């Protein structure tokens, strides 16, 4: 039954640094928001979180939205996104039996070779040819080697949002093909590649059933209703990865449009009519609830370094000082964590500077500039694959709070960029929940509000050409960037 005041939708975003929720009306008005931080544990190439903390943080964030005035009785559906490739194992009662192995955890270096040998034909069919060691399937093989009785004891694989969905519903739930893509799911057929799994000795029983994002997978149960304040019986909708959620929340749902999320790390997602095939295995494509494909990738470059390196600085003052230094001949490849995944795969990649900075402001300028150069290289890469890139470009993520960075990105990319007023992955999940009642494009158009468009400044963009080309050379010299990709990037600017 529809509550007085119209329908509302709850979106939950499980990010790296925290959980965010929004309660949004069908016309896009935000009725309440909440957030709660998450704790990560990093050691070398390992990155873990406590899955129990995910649920506690969700409850806290929903409570904040309720305290901010959101009437949870109006909520007709809830959808949850999560970091791509993050997994754990649950026992029969849904209790996490392992840490959450996060999206950039690189411990499965040996296992990924076995995974790629067994599934090369399947992965080629899926468009990405090779899995990376941070993907979920190699990490699942790693877990099963350490918990050999997992299947016999009734344990099940759970992606990050599966953990929360199970707590919402109160029993086992299907997983969405978006979060399951890096576990090997065939998004076109909505099936698991059983022959590949058998070759890898991964029991089919340990895997959840598959559904497309936007499918109703259950209702909020009594226990979850008591913990969250949601109404028992509220629809729970299969979600997506956080990158796809951000894209939905940006309103970039038309073919040729792109969403670039500069958050802790950089995630680029576009919309294509057909599946994009990448012989280097850098770009992979999710399936949209609308039937299109969502190609893109996730870099390890991003704004996470701002908080890490400049936490004790006045960022407004630093930004003003950095503006006068751009472009700087100090080049940075600003990796947040070791290894790179997009616009090239280089597990041994490490952050670098071409020289020591003279001042913190110069170092900050080089960070902003370096991230913008990597973003441009990502676009050069997807253009190299033949993906359409001529549609609208929407910028989202925490970096958009810095106006200098926004304009710098427009200048370096030589294209207009649009900034939504209320976009975020949690809103994307509210849009997805609403799509159970109307077409996805219609829901996005009604709920996502655009703020302003920044035009590129041709003269400023031209001043960055030398630095961008120098960066390409450095990446090729290190053996990270294929020469053919670098050549295409150089040629593309001259068109």
Protein backbone atom coordinates (compact mmCIF):
# COMPACT_ATOMS: atom_id res chain seq x y z
CA UNK A 1 0.00 0.00 0.00
CA UNK A 2 1.36 3.44 -0.93
CA UNK A 3 1.89 5.67 2.09
CA UNK A 4 0.60 9.22 2.27
CA UNK A 5 2.90 11.75 0.64
CA UNK A 6 3.93 9.54 -2.28
CA UNK A 7 6.46 6.82 -2.84
CA UNK A 8 10.02 6.94 -1.54
CA UNK A 9 13.01 4.71 -2.20
CA UNK A 10 15.99 3.78 -0.07
CA UNK A 11 19.44 3.48 -1.60
CA UNK A 12 22.39 2.04 0.33
CA UNK A 13 25.99 2.50 -0.83
CA UNK A 14 28.66 0.25 0.70
CA UNK A 15 31.84 2.16 -0.10
CA UNK A 16 35.44 1.70 0.93
CA UNK A 17 35.52 4.34 3.62
CA UNK A 18 31.93 4.16 4.79
CA UNK A 19 28.25 3.46 4.23
CA UNK A 20 25.94 6.13 2.85
CA UNK A 21 22.17 5.95 2.54
CA UNK A 22 19.58 8.22 0.96
CA UNK A 23 15.82 8.20 1.11
CA UNK A 24 14.57 9.83 -2.09
CA UNK A 25 11.11 10.63 -3.36
CA UNK A 26 10.06 9.62 -6.87
CA UNK A 27 10.70 13.19 -8.05
CA UNK A 28 14.28 13.14 -6.70
CA UNK A 29 13.75 15.14 -3.51
CA UNK A 30 16.09 13.86 -0.83
CA UNK A 31 14.01 13.12 2.24
CA UNK A 32 16.87 12.03 4.48
CA UNK A 33 20.50 10.95 4.38
CA UNK A 34 22.88 9.15 6.70
CA UNK A 35 26.41 7.80 6.80
CA UNK A 36 28.73 5.73 8.95
CA UNK A 37 32.48 5.11 8.53
CA UNK A 38 34.03 1.70 7.92
CA UNK A 39 37.42 0.45 9.09
CA UNK A 40 39.87 -1.14 6.68
CA UNK A 41 42.84 -3.30 7.54
CA UNK A 42 45.70 -3.17 5.03
CA UNK A 43 48.89 -5.19 5.08
CA UNK A 44 50.93 -5.24 1.91
CA UNK A 45 48.68 -6.42 -0.89
CA UNK A 46 45.96 -7.51 1.52
CA UNK A 47 42.93 -5.35 2.23
CA UNK A 48 40.19 -6.59 4.57
CA UNK A 49 37.10 -5.35 6.38
CA UNK A 50 34.87 -6.97 9.01
CA UNK A 51 31.59 -8.01 7.30
CA UNK A 52 29.71 -7.62 10.58
CA UNK A 53 30.65 -3.95 10.51
CA UNK A 54 28.88 -3.53 7.16
CA UNK A 55 25.49 -4.36 8.71
CA UNK A 56 26.09 -2.28 11.83
CA UNK A 57 27.05 0.69 9.67
CA UNK A 58 23.94 0.25 7.50
CA UNK A 59 21.70 0.31 10.57
CA UNK A 60 23.46 3.41 11.89
CA UNK A 61 23.20 5.25 8.57
CA UNK A 62 19.50 4.41 8.15
CA UNK A 63 18.94 5.64 11.69
CA UNK A 64 20.56 8.96 10.80
CA UNK A 65 18.33 9.32 7.73
CA UNK A 66 15.32 8.65 9.91
CA UNK A 67 16.49 11.20 12.48
CA UNK A 68 16.95 13.72 9.66
CA UNK A 69 13.25 13.49 8.89
CA UNK A 70 12.87 10.61 6.44
CA UNK A 71 9.57 8.78 6.90
CA UNK A 72 10.62 5.16 6.42
CA UNK A 73 6.97 4.13 6.15
CA UNK A 74 6.95 5.74 2.69
CA UNK A 75 9.81 3.54 1.45
CA UNK A 76 8.53 1.11 -1.17
CA UNK A 77 11.85 -0.53 -2.04
CA UNK A 78 15.51 -0.71 -1.04
CA UNK A 79 18.58 -1.54 -3.13
CA UNK A 80 22.22 -1.96 -2.07
CA UNK A 81 25.42 -1.43 -4.04
CA UNK A 82 28.91 -2.59 -3.05
CA UNK A 83 32.57 -2.40 -3.96
CA UNK A 84 33.23 -4.60 -6.98
CA UNK A 85 34.86 -7.95 -6.26
CA UNK A 86 34.60 -7.81 -2.45
CA UNK A 87 33.63 -11.22 -1.00
CA UNK A 88 33.34 -13.29 2.15
CA UNK A 89 31.99 -16.73 3.10
CA UNK A 90 28.83 -17.12 5.21
CA UNK A 91 27.74 -20.15 7.22
CA UNK A 92 24.27 -21.69 7.07
CA UNK A 93 22.89 -19.01 9.38
CA UNK A 94 24.40 -16.17 7.41
CA UNK A 95 27.26 -15.43 9.79
CA UNK A 96 30.53 -14.29 8.16
CA UNK A 97 33.20 -16.96 8.59
CA UNK A 98 36.03 -15.04 6.91
CA UNK A 99 37.07 -11.40 6.68
CA UNK A 100 35.76 -9.42 3.76
CA UNK A 101 38.42 -9.60 1.03
CA UNK A 102 38.16 -6.15 -0.51
CA UNK A 103 37.96 -5.07 -4.14
CA UNK A 104 41.70 -4.30 -4.42
CA UNK A 105 43.03 -7.19 -2.33
CA UNK A 106 45.84 -8.72 -4.37
CA UNK A 107 46.66 -11.90 -2.48
CA UNK A 108 45.40 -14.29 -5.18
CA UNK A 109 48.35 -13.86 -7.56
CA UNK A 110 48.91 -17.59 -7.98
CA UNK A 111 45.21 -18.44 -8.17
CA UNK A 112 44.50 -15.98 -10.98
CA UNK A 113 46.82 -17.88 -13.31
CA UNK A 114 44.82 -21.03 -12.75
CA UNK A 115 41.55 -19.14 -13.19
CA UNK A 116 42.67 -17.64 -16.49
CA UNK A 117 43.97 -20.94 -17.82
CA UNK A 118 40.68 -22.68 -17.04
CA UNK A 119 38.36 -19.91 -18.24
CA UNK A 120 40.12 -18.13 -21.10
CA UNK A 121 37.38 -18.96 -23.61
CA UNK A 122 34.62 -17.90 -21.23
CA UNK A 123 36.35 -14.68 -20.21
CA UNK A 124 36.95 -13.80 -23.87
CA UNK A 125 33.26 -14.33 -24.56
CA UNK A 126 32.47 -12.00 -21.64
CA UNK A 127 34.60 -9.30 -23.22
CA UNK A 128 37.55 -8.96 -20.85
CA UNK A 129 39.65 -12.06 -21.78
CA UNK A 130 41.59 -12.26 -18.51
CA UNK A 131 40.69 -11.84 -14.87
CA UNK A 132 42.88 -9.83 -12.51
CA UNK A 133 44.14 -11.16 -9.19
CA UNK A 134 41.99 -8.69 -7.25
CA UNK A 135 38.83 -10.12 -8.84
CA UNK A 136 36.47 -12.25 -6.81
CA UNK A 137 36.92 -15.64 -8.47
CA UNK A 138 40.68 -15.92 -7.80
CA UNK A 139 40.05 -14.79 -4.22
CA UNK A 140 37.29 -17.39 -3.83
CA UNK A 141 39.72 -20.08 -4.99
CA UNK A 142 42.21 -18.73 -2.42
CA UNK A 143 39.58 -18.95 0.35
CA UNK A 144 38.55 -22.49 -0.56
CA UNK A 145 42.16 -23.63 -0.40
CA UNK A 146 42.24 -22.42 3.21
CA UNK A 147 38.73 -23.60 4.12
CA UNK A 148 38.47 -26.94 2.26
CA UNK A 149 35.33 -28.01 4.17
CA UNK A 150 33.41 -24.83 3.35
CA UNK A 151 31.02 -26.47 0.88
CA UNK A 152 30.47 -29.58 3.01
CA UNK A 153 29.64 -27.37 6.00
CA UNK A 154 27.04 -25.44 4.02
CA UNK A 155 28.99 -22.21 3.66
CA UNK A 156 28.11 -19.87 0.79
CA UNK A 157 29.92 -17.20 -1.10
CA UNK A 158 28.57 -13.71 -0.46
CA UNK A 159 29.49 -10.52 -2.22
CA UNK A 160 29.54 -7.43 -0.03
CA UNK A 161 25.96 -6.39 -0.76
CA UNK A 162 24.75 -10.00 -0.46
CA UNK A 163 25.70 -9.83 3.22
CA UNK A 164 23.43 -6.83 3.76
CA UNK A 165 20.62 -8.17 1.56
CA UNK A 166 20.59 -11.41 3.52
CA UNK A 167 20.30 -9.51 6.79
CA UNK A 168 17.47 -7.42 5.34
CA UNK A 169 15.53 -10.46 4.13
CA UNK A 170 16.49 -12.94 6.84
CA UNK A 171 17.45 -15.87 4.58
CA UNK A 172 19.65 -16.73 1.59
CA UNK A 173 19.21 -14.40 -1.38
CA UNK A 174 20.27 -14.45 -5.04
CA UNK A 175 23.16 -12.26 -6.10
CA UNK A 176 23.10 -9.74 -8.93
CA UNK A 177 25.08 -10.27 -12.14
CA UNK A 178 26.82 -6.92 -11.61
CA UNK A 179 28.56 -7.84 -8.36
CA UNK A 180 28.99 -11.42 -9.59
CA UNK A 181 30.75 -10.42 -12.82
CA UNK A 182 34.20 -10.67 -11.22
CA UNK A 183 33.19 -14.05 -9.80
CA UNK A 184 32.74 -15.32 -13.36
CA UNK A 185 29.01 -14.88 -13.88
CA UNK A 186 27.87 -14.77 -17.50
CA UNK A 187 25.83 -11.56 -17.54
CA UNK A 188 24.46 -12.18 -21.03
CA UNK A 189 23.07 -15.59 -20.12
CA UNK A 190 22.53 -14.92 -16.38
CA UNK A 191 24.27 -18.20 -15.56
CA UNK A 192 27.41 -19.46 -13.86
CA UNK A 193 30.02 -21.04 -16.17
CA UNK A 194 29.71 -24.47 -14.64
CA UNK A 195 32.40 -26.18 -16.74
CA UNK A 196 34.95 -23.56 -15.70
CA UNK A 197 33.91 -23.83 -12.06
CA UNK A 198 34.24 -27.61 -12.21
CA UNK A 199 37.74 -27.29 -13.66
CA UNK A 200 38.62 -24.97 -10.78
CA UNK A 201 37.06 -27.40 -8.25
CA UNK A 202 34.62 -24.75 -7.05
CA UNK A 203 31.41 -26.46 -5.87
CA UNK A 204 28.31 -25.04 -7.51
CA UNK A 205 26.49 -25.31 -4.18
CA UNK A 206 28.67 -22.64 -2.65
CA UNK A 207 27.47 -20.03 -5.17
CA UNK A 208 24.19 -18.10 -4.87
CA UNK A 209 21.59 -18.00 -7.60
CA UNK A 210 21.88 -15.22 -10.19
CA UNK A 211 19.44 -12.45 -11.11
CA UNK A 212 19.68 -9.21 -13.05
CA UNK A 213 20.04 -5.91 -11.16
CA UNK A 214 16.62 -4.43 -10.45
CA UNK A 215 15.00 -7.80 -9.67
CA UNK A 216 12.97 -8.01 -6.46
CA UNK A 217 14.74 -10.69 -4.39
CA UNK A 218 12.72 -10.59 -1.17
CA UNK A 219 11.11 -8.44 1.47
CA UNK A 220 12.41 -6.85 4.66
CA UNK A 221 11.94 -9.36 7.47
CA UNK A 222 10.77 -8.79 11.03
CA UNK A 223 14.26 -8.82 12.57
CA UNK A 224 15.67 -6.34 10.06
CA UNK A 225 12.60 -4.14 10.41
CA UNK A 226 13.20 -3.95 14.15
CA UNK A 227 16.88 -3.07 13.67
CA UNK A 228 16.46 -0.52 10.88
CA UNK A 229 13.02 1.01 11.30
CA UNK A 230 11.98 -0.10 7.81
CA UNK A 231 8.51 -1.53 7.35
CA UNK A 232 8.33 -5.31 7.34
CA UNK A 233 7.50 -6.47 3.82
CA UNK A 234 9.30 -3.63 2.02
CA UNK A 235 10.72 -4.88 -1.30
CA UNK A 236 14.45 -5.65 -1.42
CA UNK A 237 15.83 -5.16 -4.93
CA UNK A 238 18.99 -6.72 -6.40
CA UNK A 239 21.63 -3.98 -6.66
CA UNK A 240 24.86 -3.34 -8.57
CA UNK A 241 28.50 -2.52 -7.99
CA UNK A 242 29.28 0.93 -6.62
CA UNK A 243 30.59 2.06 -10.01
CA UNK A 244 27.34 1.13 -11.74
CA UNK A 245 25.39 2.70 -8.89
CA UNK A 246 27.27 5.96 -9.32
CA UNK A 247 26.47 5.88 -13.02
CA UNK A 248 22.75 5.45 -12.35
CA UNK A 249 22.93 8.20 -9.75
CA UNK A 250 24.56 10.55 -12.28
CA UNK A 251 21.74 10.12 -14.78
CA UNK A 252 24.21 8.90 -17.47
CA UNK A 253 21.97 6.18 -18.89
CA UNK A 254 21.93 7.03 -22.64
CA UNK A 255 24.20 5.23 -25.12
CA UNK A 256 27.48 7.13 -25.49
CA UNK A 257 27.24 8.87 -22.12
CA UNK A 258 29.82 8.41 -19.37
CA UNK A 259 30.15 8.88 -15.65
CA UNK A 260 33.56 9.46 -14.10
CA UNK A 261 33.67 8.96 -10.36
CA UNK A 262 36.69 10.43 -8.61
CA UNK A 263 36.28 9.09 -5.11
CA UNK A 264 38.83 7.12 -3.10
CA UNK A 265 39.75 5.71 -6.51
CA UNK A 266 38.72 6.54 -10.08
CA UNK A 267 35.88 4.58 -11.68
CA UNK A 268 34.79 5.23 -15.26
CA UNK A 269 31.54 3.79 -16.63
CA UNK A 270 29.81 4.30 -19.97
CA UNK A 271 26.80 3.04 -21.88
CA UNK A 272 27.05 1.06 -25.12
CA UNK A 273 24.52 -0.78 -27.22
CA UNK A 274 26.78 -3.78 -27.73
CA UNK A 275 29.26 -5.64 -25.54
CA UNK A 276 32.78 -4.16 -25.71
CA UNK A 277 35.59 -6.71 -26.09
CA UNK A 278 38.99 -5.89 -24.61
CA UNK A 279 41.94 -8.12 -25.62
CA UNK A 280 44.00 -6.75 -22.72
CA UNK A 281 41.37 -7.53 -20.07
CA UNK A 282 41.36 -3.98 -18.69
CA UNK A 283 37.78 -2.96 -19.44
CA UNK A 284 34.86 -5.16 -18.45
CA UNK A 285 31.15 -4.67 -19.07
CA UNK A 286 28.24 -4.97 -16.69
CA UNK A 287 24.74 -5.47 -17.99
CA UNK A 288 22.32 -2.62 -17.44
CA UNK A 289 18.78 -3.26 -16.22
CA UNK A 290 17.70 -1.41 -19.39
CA UNK A 291 19.35 -4.05 -21.62
CA UNK A 292 22.38 -1.99 -22.65
CA UNK A 293 25.96 -2.69 -21.58
CA UNK A 294 27.99 -0.66 -19.07
CA UNK A 295 31.70 -0.89 -19.98
CA UNK A 296 34.31 0.64 -17.76
CA UNK A 297 37.03 0.03 -15.28
CA UNK A 298 38.38 0.98 -11.88
CA UNK A 299 41.77 2.60 -11.43
CA UNK A 300 43.81 2.60 -8.23
CA UNK A 301 44.41 6.33 -8.73
CA UNK A 302 42.11 8.68 -6.87
CA UNK A 303 41.26 11.26 -4.27
CA UNK A 304 42.09 8.89 -1.42
CA UNK A 305 45.58 10.39 -1.40
CA UNK A 306 44.20 13.82 -0.54
CA UNK A 307 42.99 12.60 2.84
CA UNK A 308 46.13 10.56 3.37
CA UNK A 309 48.73 13.16 2.43
CA UNK A 310 47.05 16.49 3.19
CA UNK A 311 44.80 15.74 6.15
CA UNK A 312 46.42 18.41 8.30
CA UNK A 313 46.38 21.10 5.60
CA UNK A 314 43.91 23.87 4.83
CA UNK A 315 42.61 22.49 1.54
CA UNK A 316 40.99 25.75 0.46
CA UNK A 317 44.28 27.60 0.82
CA UNK A 318 46.19 24.73 -0.77
CA UNK A 319 43.81 24.80 -3.73
CA UNK A 320 44.32 28.54 -4.24
CA UNK A 321 48.08 28.09 -4.17
CA UNK A 322 47.94 25.08 -6.50
CA UNK A 323 45.87 27.01 -9.06
CA UNK A 324 48.79 29.34 -9.70
CA UNK A 325 51.16 26.42 -10.31
CA UNK A 326 49.20 24.53 -12.96
CA UNK A 327 50.37 23.04 -15.19
CA UNK A 328 53.37 21.85 -13.22
CA UNK A 329 56.32 19.96 -14.69
CA UNK A 330 56.22 17.74 -11.60
CA UNK A 331 54.43 14.62 -12.80
CA UNK A 332 52.77 12.19 -10.42
CA UNK A 333 51.11 8.84 -10.95
CA UNK A 334 48.97 9.06 -7.78
CA UNK A 335 48.16 5.46 -6.87
CA UNK A 336 46.20 5.04 -3.65
CA UNK A 337 47.38 1.43 -3.29
CA UNK A 338 49.97 -0.74 -5.06
CA UNK A 339 49.10 -2.13 -8.48
CA UNK A 340 47.08 -0.64 -11.32
CA UNK A 341 43.94 -2.02 -12.97
CA UNK A 342 42.83 0.68 -15.43
CA UNK A 343 43.82 2.17 -17.92
CA UNK A 344 46.29 -0.73 -17.94
CA UNK A 345 46.90 -3.80 -15.81
CA UNK A 346 50.20 -3.63 -13.92
CA UNK A 347 50.20 -5.52 -10.59
CA UNK A 348 53.70 -4.23 -9.84
CA UNK A 349 52.88 -0.57 -10.48
CA UNK A 350 53.75 1.85 -7.71
CA UNK A 351 53.00 5.54 -7.27
CA UNK A 352 55.76 7.82 -8.47
CA UNK A 353 56.90 11.44 -8.79
CA UNK A 354 59.35 12.68 -11.40
CA UNK A 355 61.08 14.78 -8.75
CA UNK A 356 60.63 16.00 -5.20
CA UNK A 357 58.08 18.81 -4.82
CA UNK A 358 59.34 22.25 -3.84
CA UNK A 359 56.29 22.95 -1.67
CA UNK A 360 53.17 21.13 -0.43
CA UNK A 361 51.13 23.26 -2.85
CA UNK A 362 53.18 22.00 -5.79
CA UNK A 363 52.76 18.42 -4.63
CA UNK A 364 49.00 18.99 -4.31
CA UNK A 365 48.86 20.52 -7.78
CA UNK A 366 50.74 17.52 -9.19
CA UNK A 367 48.27 15.17 -7.50
CA UNK A 368 45.24 16.90 -9.05
CA UNK A 369 46.96 17.10 -12.41
CA UNK A 370 48.15 13.48 -12.33
CA UNK A 371 44.67 12.14 -11.59
CA UNK A 372 43.26 14.23 -14.46
CA UNK A 373 45.90 12.84 -16.84
CA UNK A 374 45.04 9.26 -15.82
CA UNK A 375 41.36 10.01 -16.36
CA UNK A 376 42.16 11.24 -19.88
CA UNK A 377 44.18 8.09 -20.57
CA UNK A 378 41.17 6.02 -19.49
CA UNK A 379 39.06 7.77 -22.13
CA UNK A 380 41.80 7.30 -24.72
CA UNK A 381 41.80 3.60 -23.85
CA UNK A 382 38.05 3.02 -24.21
CA UNK A 383 38.14 4.98 -27.49
CA UNK A 384 40.93 2.63 -28.60
CA UNK A 385 38.51 -0.27 -28.01
CA UNK A 386 35.88 1.38 -30.20
CA UNK A 387 33.44 2.39 -27.48
CA UNK A 388 31.40 5.54 -28.22
CA UNK A 389 32.63 8.45 -26.08
CA UNK A 390 30.83 11.38 -27.69
CA UNK A 391 27.89 11.60 -25.28
CA UNK A 392 27.50 13.55 -22.08
CA UNK A 393 30.17 13.25 -19.37
CA UNK A 394 28.99 13.55 -15.78
CA UNK A 395 31.48 13.94 -12.94
CA UNK A 396 30.65 12.59 -9.50
CA UNK A 397 32.52 11.54 -6.38
CA UNK A 398 34.18 13.39 -3.52
CA UNK A 399 36.66 15.18 -5.81
CA UNK A 400 33.83 17.27 -7.28
CA UNK A 401 33.83 19.32 -4.08
CA UNK A 402 37.00 20.97 -5.38
CA UNK A 403 36.10 23.51 -8.12
CA UNK A 404 39.70 23.79 -9.34
CA UNK A 405 39.85 20.04 -9.90
CA UNK A 406 36.56 20.06 -11.82
CA UNK A 407 37.74 22.74 -14.23
CA UNK A 408 41.15 21.11 -14.56
CA UNK A 409 39.53 17.84 -15.60
CA UNK A 410 37.40 19.61 -18.23
CA UNK A 411 40.49 21.36 -19.59
CA UNK A 412 42.65 18.22 -19.70
CA UNK A 413 39.87 16.17 -21.29
CA UNK A 414 39.04 18.94 -23.81
CA UNK A 415 35.32 18.37 -23.31
CA UNK A 416 32.41 19.79 -21.30
CA UNK A 417 31.67 18.13 -17.97
CA UNK A 418 28.37 18.19 -16.10
CA UNK A 419 28.00 18.20 -12.34
CA UNK A 420 24.75 16.82 -10.89
CA UNK A 421 23.23 18.46 -7.86
CA UNK A 422 22.45 15.35 -5.87
CA UNK A 423 24.27 12.46 -7.56
CA UNK A 424 25.87 9.70 -5.51
CA UNK A 425 25.86 5.90 -5.62
CA UNK A 426 23.21 5.72 -2.90
CA UNK A 427 20.88 7.80 -5.07
CA UNK A 428 21.64 5.44 -7.94
CA UNK A 429 20.35 2.61 -5.80
CA UNK A 430 17.21 4.58 -4.99
CA UNK A 431 16.75 5.05 -8.75
CA UNK A 432 17.22 1.31 -9.27
CA UNK A 433 14.67 0.51 -6.57
CA UNK A 434 12.22 2.92 -8.24
CA UNK A 435 12.78 1.17 -11.59
CA UNK A 436 10.66 -1.70 -10.29
CA UNK A 437 7.70 0.67 -10.81
CA UNK A 438 8.73 2.49 -14.04
CA UNK A 439 11.43 2.22 -16.76
CA UNK A 440 14.97 2.87 -15.55
CA UNK A 441 15.59 5.83 -17.89
CA UNK A 442 12.36 7.47 -16.72
CA UNK A 443 13.20 6.95 -13.06
CA UNK A 444 16.69 8.40 -13.57
CA UNK A 445 15.36 11.41 -15.49
CA UNK A 446 12.86 12.16 -12.72
CA UNK A 447 15.21 11.65 -9.76
CA UNK A 448 18.62 12.98 -10.90
CA UNK A 449 18.96 16.77 -10.99
CA UNK A 450 21.78 18.40 -12.95
CA UNK A 451 23.50 21.43 -11.47
CA UNK A 452 25.88 23.01 -13.98
CA UNK A 453 28.14 22.32 -16.96
CA UNK A 454 31.78 23.43 -17.16
CA UNK A 455 33.20 24.19 -20.58
CA UNK A 456 36.83 23.34 -21.33
CA UNK A 457 39.24 26.24 -21.74
CA UNK A 458 41.12 25.49 -24.93
CA UNK A 459 44.23 27.49 -24.07
CA UNK A 460 44.53 25.90 -20.62
CA UNK A 461 44.02 22.43 -22.05
CA UNK A 462 46.74 22.99 -24.64
CA UNK A 463 49.20 23.89 -21.85
CA UNK A 464 48.77 20.37 -20.45
CA UNK A 465 49.62 18.55 -23.68
CA UNK A 466 53.36 18.37 -23.05
CA UNK A 467 52.90 16.96 -19.55
CA UNK A 468 50.35 14.38 -20.69
CA UNK A 469 52.61 13.15 -23.47
CA UNK A 470 55.55 12.96 -21.04
CA UNK A 471 53.43 10.81 -18.74
CA UNK A 472 52.62 8.45 -21.60
CA UNK A 473 56.31 8.05 -22.31
CA UNK A 474 57.08 7.31 -18.66
CA UNK A 475 54.37 4.67 -18.47
CA UNK A 476 55.61 2.95 -21.63
CA UNK A 477 59.20 3.05 -20.36
CA UNK A 478 58.12 1.32 -17.15
CA UNK A 479 56.51 -1.43 -19.19
CA UNK A 480 53.03 -0.70 -17.81
CA UNK A 481 51.28 0.92 -20.78
CA UNK A 482 51.23 -0.92 -24.15
CA UNK A 483 52.88 1.09 -26.89
CA UNK A 484 49.85 0.75 -29.18
CA UNK A 485 47.63 2.38 -26.56
CA UNK A 486 50.09 5.24 -26.08
CA UNK A 487 50.23 5.77 -29.86
CA UNK A 488 46.44 5.87 -30.07
CA UNK A 489 46.32 8.42 -27.25
CA UNK A 490 48.77 10.66 -29.11
CA UNK A 491 46.88 10.32 -32.39
CA UNK A 492 43.49 10.92 -30.84
CA UNK A 493 44.31 14.48 -29.81
CA UNK A 494 45.33 15.38 -33.37
CA UNK A 495 41.98 14.30 -34.84
